[in-house]
Amino acid sequence: GRHRGPGTAGRLGGRLGDVVDAYRAAQSRGEDPVLAVMAATGFGRRRTLRLIAGARDAGHLPSRRRKA
């Protein structure tokens, strides 16, 4: 894999925004954010998880670590 420059998130544009919005909305409703992003994007679980990871890497979502 090639190192991604700072402009990567900008090229995702609306899709990254949709991922972040759907994720946060589901969290606020107490629903599964991954399922919400899958529904919003129409992608399967694997691609959805990659999009969420990309949003985290770009600093748009918090890390997955939570108190159990």
Protein backbone atom coordinates (compact mmCIF):
# COMPACT_ATOMS: atom_id res chain seq x y z
CA GLY A 1 0.00 0.00 0.00
CA ARG A 2 1.01 3.49 -0.77
CA HIS A 3 1.17 6.22 1.86
CA ARG A 4 -1.90 8.40 1.64
CA GLY A 5 -1.34 12.13 1.62
CA PRO A 6 -3.41 14.68 3.50
CA GLY A 7 -5.72 15.23 0.50
CA THR A 8 -7.22 11.73 0.58
CA ALA A 9 -10.22 12.61 2.74
CA GLY A 10 -11.09 15.54 0.50
CA ARG A 11 -11.38 13.26 -2.50
CA LEU A 12 -13.82 11.01 -0.65
CA GLY A 13 -15.91 14.12 -0.24
CA GLY A 14 -19.56 13.46 0.41
CA ARG A 15 -19.14 9.74 1.06
CA LEU A 16 -16.88 10.31 4.06
CA GLY A 17 -19.34 12.88 5.38
CA ASP A 18 -22.20 10.40 4.95
CA VAL A 19 -20.23 7.77 6.86
CA VAL A 20 -19.50 10.14 9.75
CA ASP A 21 -23.08 11.46 9.89
CA ALA A 22 -24.66 7.99 9.82
CA TYR A 23 -22.20 6.67 12.40
CA ARG A 24 -22.78 9.52 14.86
CA ALA A 25 -26.55 9.50 14.39
CA ALA A 26 -26.71 5.76 15.12
CA GLN A 27 -24.53 6.18 18.20
CA SER A 28 -26.78 8.93 19.54
CA ARG A 29 -29.82 6.66 19.05
CA GLY A 30 -28.07 3.73 20.73
CA GLU A 31 -28.03 1.72 17.49
CA ASP A 32 -25.22 -0.23 15.83
CA PRO A 33 -23.19 2.36 13.90
CA VAL A 34 -21.78 -0.19 11.45
CA LEU A 35 -25.26 -1.31 10.40
CA ALA A 36 -26.33 2.32 10.04
CA VAL A 37 -23.38 3.11 7.78
CA MET A 38 -24.07 -0.05 5.76
CA ALA A 39 -27.66 1.12 5.24
CA ALA A 40 -26.58 4.66 4.36
CA THR A 41 -23.93 3.61 1.83
CA GLY A 42 -25.35 0.36 0.49
CA PHE A 43 -21.96 -1.32 0.95
CA GLY A 44 -21.23 -4.64 2.60
CA ARG A 45 -19.75 -5.00 6.06
CA ARG A 46 -16.12 -5.27 4.91
CA ARG A 47 -16.19 -2.11 2.77
CA THR A 48 -18.18 -0.28 5.43
CA LEU A 49 -15.59 -1.14 8.08
CA ARG A 50 -12.87 0.17 5.75
CA LEU A 51 -14.75 3.45 5.30
CA ILE A 52 -15.20 3.80 9.06
CA ALA A 53 -11.51 3.07 9.59
CA GLY A 54 -10.65 5.72 7.02
CA ALA A 55 -12.84 8.24 8.82
CA ARG A 56 -11.09 7.37 12.09
CA ASP A 57 -7.66 7.71 10.49
CA ALA A 58 -8.65 11.12 9.15
CA GLY A 59 -9.66 12.17 12.66
CA HIS A 60 -13.41 12.41 11.98
CA LEU A 61 -14.38 9.63 14.39
CA PRO A 62 -12.97 8.63 17.78
CA SER A 63 -10.92 5.46 18.16
CA ARG A 64 -12.74 2.20 18.88
CA ARG A 65 -11.33 1.87 22.38
CA ARG A 66 -14.08 2.15 24.95
CA LYS A 67 -14.59 1.16 28.54
CA ALA A 68 -16.10 -2.31 28.62
